[in-house]
């Protein structure tokens, strides 16, 4: 995972970025954004192609603490998930 992570502050539509995963078998990515407090899923992008390395969250996120994960899924629905990337959405003016 490249960004955001480590409680970076983002806009309501954060751009999530990661390093390309390479393997000898076909796969797709699934990106999931969750609320840190309740672990409720707020946004999912699935069936992302293997050459994808970034995606912009298309639903506006409210102020709060979130995290996102990147999952690699093969044609047999085997999965491998990344560590969480924590970030904060803040619509106000930063000091």
N, C-alpha and C. Protein backbone atom coordinates (compact mmCIF):
# COMPACT_ATOMS: atom_id res chain seq x y z
N UNK A 1 0.84 -1.17 0.00
CA UNK A 1 0.00 0.00 0.00
C UNK A 1 0.89 1.23 0.00
N UNK A 2 0.52 2.16 -0.83
CA UNK A 2 1.28 3.40 -0.88
C UNK A 2 0.59 4.53 -0.14
N UNK A 3 -0.68 4.76 -0.45
CA UNK A 3 -1.36 5.90 0.19
C UNK A 3 -2.87 5.77 0.03
N UNK A 4 -3.64 6.33 0.92
CA UNK A 4 -3.20 6.89 2.19
C UNK A 4 -2.95 5.78 3.21
N UNK A 5 -2.15 6.13 4.20
CA UNK A 5 -1.84 5.20 5.30
C UNK A 5 -1.28 6.01 6.45
N UNK A 6 -1.18 5.40 7.61
CA UNK A 6 -0.62 6.09 8.76
C UNK A 6 -1.43 7.29 9.20
N UNK A 7 -2.76 7.19 9.05
CA UNK A 7 -3.68 8.28 9.42
C UNK A 7 -3.45 9.56 8.63
N UNK A 8 -3.09 9.43 7.35
CA UNK A 8 -3.04 10.59 6.46
C UNK A 8 -4.41 11.26 6.43
N UNK A 9 -4.43 12.57 6.30
CA UNK A 9 -5.69 13.29 6.14
C UNK A 9 -6.00 13.42 4.66
N UNK A 10 -7.24 13.12 4.28
CA UNK A 10 -7.63 13.14 2.87
C UNK A 10 -8.90 13.94 2.67
N UNK A 11 -9.26 14.10 1.42
CA UNK A 11 -10.53 14.73 1.06
C UNK A 11 -11.65 13.70 1.18
N UNK A 12 -12.85 14.10 0.87
CA UNK A 12 -14.02 13.21 0.92
C UNK A 12 -13.96 12.15 -0.17
N UNK A 13 -13.12 12.36 -1.18
CA UNK A 13 -12.97 11.43 -2.30
C UNK A 13 -11.49 11.04 -2.43
N UNK A 14 -10.97 10.28 -1.47
CA UNK A 14 -9.54 9.98 -1.50
C UNK A 14 -9.13 9.10 -2.68
N UNK A 15 -7.89 9.31 -3.11
CA UNK A 15 -7.30 8.44 -4.11
C UNK A 15 -6.48 7.40 -3.36
N UNK A 16 -6.76 6.13 -3.59
CA UNK A 16 -6.08 5.02 -2.94
C UNK A 16 -5.07 4.43 -3.92
N UNK A 17 -3.83 4.26 -3.48
CA UNK A 17 -2.78 3.80 -4.38
C UNK A 17 -2.00 2.64 -3.76
N UNK A 18 -1.54 1.74 -4.62
CA UNK A 18 -0.78 0.58 -4.17
C UNK A 18 0.22 0.18 -5.24
N UNK A 19 1.15 -0.68 -4.85
CA UNK A 19 2.11 -1.23 -5.80
C UNK A 19 1.50 -2.42 -6.49
N UNK A 20 1.84 -2.58 -7.74
CA UNK A 20 1.29 -3.68 -8.54
C UNK A 20 1.74 -5.03 -7.98
N UNK A 21 0.78 -5.95 -7.90
CA UNK A 21 1.04 -7.32 -7.47
C UNK A 21 1.33 -8.14 -8.72
N UNK A 22 2.34 -8.97 -8.68
CA UNK A 22 2.66 -9.80 -9.84
C UNK A 22 2.59 -11.27 -9.45
N UNK A 23 2.03 -12.03 -10.34
CA UNK A 23 1.91 -13.47 -10.12
C UNK A 23 1.72 -14.16 -11.47
N UNK A 24 1.81 -15.46 -11.48
CA UNK A 24 1.67 -16.22 -12.72
C UNK A 24 0.23 -16.63 -13.02
N UNK A 25 -0.70 -16.34 -12.13
CA UNK A 25 -2.09 -16.73 -12.36
C UNK A 25 -2.96 -15.47 -12.50
N UNK A 26 -4.10 -15.60 -13.19
CA UNK A 26 -4.99 -14.46 -13.37
C UNK A 26 -5.68 -14.07 -12.06
N UNK A 27 -5.86 -12.76 -11.86
CA UNK A 27 -6.51 -12.29 -10.64
C UNK A 27 -7.12 -10.91 -10.90
N UNK A 28 -7.93 -10.48 -9.95
CA UNK A 28 -8.46 -9.11 -9.93
C UNK A 28 -8.26 -8.56 -8.52
N UNK A 29 -8.37 -7.23 -8.42
CA UNK A 29 -8.28 -6.57 -7.12
C UNK A 29 -9.67 -6.22 -6.62
N UNK A 30 -9.81 -6.20 -5.30
CA UNK A 30 -10.98 -5.66 -4.63
C UNK A 30 -10.48 -4.65 -3.60
N UNK A 31 -10.99 -3.42 -3.66
CA UNK A 31 -10.63 -2.38 -2.70
C UNK A 31 -11.84 -2.13 -1.82
N UNK A 32 -11.64 -2.13 -0.51
CA UNK A 32 -12.73 -1.93 0.44
C UNK A 32 -12.36 -0.81 1.40
N UNK A 33 -13.30 0.14 1.61
CA UNK A 33 -13.12 1.23 2.57
C UNK A 33 -14.09 0.99 3.72
N UNK A 34 -13.57 1.00 4.95
CA UNK A 34 -14.37 0.74 6.14
C UNK A 34 -14.20 1.84 7.17
N UNK A 35 -15.20 1.99 8.03
CA UNK A 35 -15.15 2.90 9.16
C UNK A 35 -14.32 2.25 10.26
N UNK A 36 -13.37 2.98 10.85
CA UNK A 36 -12.51 2.40 11.89
C UNK A 36 -13.27 2.05 13.16
N UNK A 37 -14.27 2.84 13.51
CA UNK A 37 -14.97 2.61 14.78
C UNK A 37 -15.88 1.40 14.73
N UNK A 38 -16.71 1.31 13.69
CA UNK A 38 -17.71 0.24 13.63
C UNK A 38 -17.35 -0.85 12.63
N UNK A 39 -16.28 -0.64 11.86
CA UNK A 39 -15.87 -1.57 10.81
C UNK A 39 -16.97 -1.82 9.80
N UNK A 40 -17.78 -0.79 9.56
CA UNK A 40 -18.84 -0.86 8.55
C UNK A 40 -18.23 -0.56 7.18
N UNK A 41 -18.63 -1.31 6.19
CA UNK A 41 -18.14 -1.09 4.82
C UNK A 41 -18.83 0.13 4.24
N UNK A 42 -18.03 1.10 3.76
CA UNK A 42 -18.58 2.31 3.16
C UNK A 42 -18.48 2.32 1.65
N UNK A 43 -17.50 1.60 1.10
CA UNK A 43 -17.29 1.66 -0.35
C UNK A 43 -16.49 0.46 -0.79
N UNK A 44 -16.84 -0.10 -1.94
CA UNK A 44 -16.12 -1.24 -2.52
C UNK A 44 -15.94 -1.01 -4.02
N UNK A 45 -14.76 -1.32 -4.49
CA UNK A 45 -14.50 -1.39 -5.93
C UNK A 45 -13.97 -2.79 -6.19
N UNK A 46 -14.67 -3.55 -7.02
CA UNK A 46 -14.22 -4.92 -7.27
C UNK A 46 -13.97 -5.14 -8.75
N UNK A 47 -13.42 -6.28 -9.06
CA UNK A 47 -13.08 -6.67 -10.43
C UNK A 47 -12.12 -5.69 -11.09
N UNK A 48 -11.24 -5.07 -10.28
CA UNK A 48 -10.23 -4.17 -10.84
C UNK A 48 -9.13 -5.01 -11.50
N UNK A 49 -8.73 -4.61 -12.66
CA UNK A 49 -7.75 -5.37 -13.44
C UNK A 49 -6.35 -5.34 -12.83
N UNK A 50 -5.52 -6.36 -13.12
CA UNK A 50 -4.20 -6.49 -12.50
C UNK A 50 -3.25 -5.32 -12.78
N UNK A 51 -3.47 -4.55 -13.85
CA UNK A 51 -2.58 -3.42 -14.13
C UNK A 51 -3.02 -2.15 -13.41
N UNK A 52 -4.10 -2.21 -12.64
CA UNK A 52 -4.59 -1.06 -11.88
C UNK A 52 -3.72 -0.87 -10.64
N UNK A 53 -3.36 0.38 -10.36
CA UNK A 53 -2.56 0.66 -9.16
C UNK A 53 -3.13 1.81 -8.35
N UNK A 54 -4.29 2.33 -8.75
CA UNK A 54 -4.93 3.40 -7.97
C UNK A 54 -6.39 3.49 -8.36
N UNK A 55 -7.17 3.98 -7.39
CA UNK A 55 -8.59 4.16 -7.62
C UNK A 55 -9.05 5.33 -6.74
N UNK A 56 -10.00 6.11 -7.24
CA UNK A 56 -10.57 7.21 -6.46
C UNK A 56 -11.91 6.76 -5.90
N UNK A 57 -12.11 6.97 -4.61
CA UNK A 57 -13.39 6.64 -3.97
C UNK A 57 -14.45 7.55 -4.60
N UNK A 58 -15.49 6.96 -5.16
CA UNK A 58 -16.49 7.73 -5.90
C UNK A 58 -17.67 8.19 -5.06
N UNK A 59 -17.80 7.66 -3.84
CA UNK A 59 -18.85 8.11 -2.92
C UNK A 59 -18.23 9.04 -1.89
N UNK A 60 -18.87 10.16 -1.63
CA UNK A 60 -18.35 11.13 -0.67
C UNK A 60 -18.33 10.54 0.73
N UNK A 61 -17.17 10.58 1.38
CA UNK A 61 -17.04 10.10 2.75
C UNK A 61 -17.22 11.27 3.71
N UNK A 62 -17.91 11.04 4.79
CA UNK A 62 -18.10 12.05 5.84
C UNK A 62 -16.82 12.17 6.65
N UNK A 63 -16.70 13.26 7.44
CA UNK A 63 -15.57 13.40 8.35
C UNK A 63 -15.49 12.15 9.22
N UNK A 64 -14.31 11.65 9.44
CA UNK A 64 -14.15 10.50 10.32
C UNK A 64 -12.89 9.72 10.03
N UNK A 65 -12.72 8.64 10.76
CA UNK A 65 -11.56 7.76 10.65
C UNK A 65 -11.95 6.52 9.86
N UNK A 66 -11.16 6.22 8.85
CA UNK A 66 -11.44 5.10 7.96
C UNK A 66 -10.17 4.27 7.78
N UNK A 67 -10.35 3.08 7.20
CA UNK A 67 -9.21 2.33 6.71
C UNK A 67 -9.62 1.63 5.44
N UNK A 68 -8.64 1.26 4.66
CA UNK A 68 -8.92 0.56 3.41
C UNK A 68 -8.02 -0.65 3.29
N UNK A 69 -8.50 -1.62 2.55
CA UNK A 69 -7.73 -2.83 2.30
C UNK A 69 -7.74 -3.13 0.81
N UNK A 70 -6.73 -3.83 0.38
CA UNK A 70 -6.62 -4.29 -0.99
C UNK A 70 -6.61 -5.81 -0.95
N UNK A 71 -7.48 -6.42 -1.72
CA UNK A 71 -7.57 -7.88 -1.77
C UNK A 71 -7.28 -8.34 -3.19
N UNK A 72 -6.47 -9.38 -3.31
CA UNK A 72 -6.22 -10.03 -4.59
C UNK A 72 -7.09 -11.28 -4.60
N UNK A 73 -7.86 -11.45 -5.68
CA UNK A 73 -8.76 -12.61 -5.78
C UNK A 73 -8.53 -13.32 -7.11
N UNK A 74 -8.31 -14.64 -7.05
CA UNK A 74 -8.11 -15.39 -8.29
C UNK A 74 -9.44 -15.97 -8.79
N UNK A 75 -9.38 -16.68 -9.90
CA UNK A 75 -10.60 -17.21 -10.52
C UNK A 75 -11.29 -18.27 -9.67
N UNK A 76 -10.59 -18.85 -8.70
CA UNK A 76 -11.17 -19.85 -7.81
C UNK A 76 -11.67 -19.22 -6.50
N UNK A 77 -11.65 -17.88 -6.45
CA UNK A 77 -12.09 -17.08 -5.30
C UNK A 77 -11.17 -17.23 -4.09
N UNK A 78 -9.93 -17.67 -4.32
CA UNK A 78 -8.91 -17.60 -3.27
C UNK A 78 -8.53 -16.14 -3.12
N UNK A 79 -8.28 -15.72 -1.89
CA UNK A 79 -7.97 -14.31 -1.67
C UNK A 79 -6.75 -14.13 -0.77
N UNK A 80 -6.13 -12.98 -0.93
CA UNK A 80 -5.06 -12.54 -0.06
C UNK A 80 -5.28 -11.05 0.17
N UNK A 81 -5.27 -10.61 1.43
CA UNK A 81 -5.60 -9.23 1.76
C UNK A 81 -4.40 -8.50 2.33
N UNK A 82 -4.33 -7.22 2.04
CA UNK A 82 -3.25 -6.38 2.54
C UNK A 82 -3.49 -5.99 3.99
N UNK A 83 -2.48 -5.38 4.57
CA UNK A 83 -2.63 -4.72 5.86
C UNK A 83 -3.53 -3.49 5.65
N UNK A 84 -4.16 -3.02 6.73
CA UNK A 84 -5.05 -1.86 6.63
C UNK A 84 -4.25 -0.58 6.43
N UNK A 85 -4.81 0.33 5.63
CA UNK A 85 -4.25 1.67 5.45
C UNK A 85 -5.20 2.66 6.10
N UNK A 86 -4.82 3.21 7.26
CA UNK A 86 -5.71 4.11 8.00
C UNK A 86 -5.62 5.52 7.43
N UNK A 87 -6.77 6.22 7.38
CA UNK A 87 -6.78 7.60 6.94
C UNK A 87 -7.94 8.34 7.59
N UNK A 88 -7.84 9.66 7.58
CA UNK A 88 -8.84 10.53 8.21
C UNK A 88 -9.43 11.45 7.14
N UNK A 89 -10.74 11.50 7.08
CA UNK A 89 -11.41 12.45 6.19
C UNK A 89 -11.78 13.66 7.03
N UNK A 90 -11.36 14.83 6.55
CA UNK A 90 -11.62 16.07 7.28
C UNK A 90 -11.98 17.15 6.28
N UNK A 91 -13.23 17.68 6.39
CA UNK A 91 -13.71 18.70 5.47
C UNK A 91 -13.38 20.12 5.92
N UNK A 92 -12.95 20.29 7.16
CA UNK A 92 -12.68 21.61 7.70
C UNK A 92 -11.37 22.18 7.20
N UNK A 93 -10.98 23.28 7.79
CA UNK A 93 -9.72 23.93 7.46
C UNK A 93 -8.64 23.44 8.41
N UNK A 94 -7.56 22.95 7.85
CA UNK A 94 -6.46 22.46 8.67
C UNK A 94 -5.63 23.64 9.19
N UNK A 95 -5.09 23.53 10.41
CA UNK A 95 -4.27 24.63 10.96
C UNK A 95 -2.99 24.82 10.18
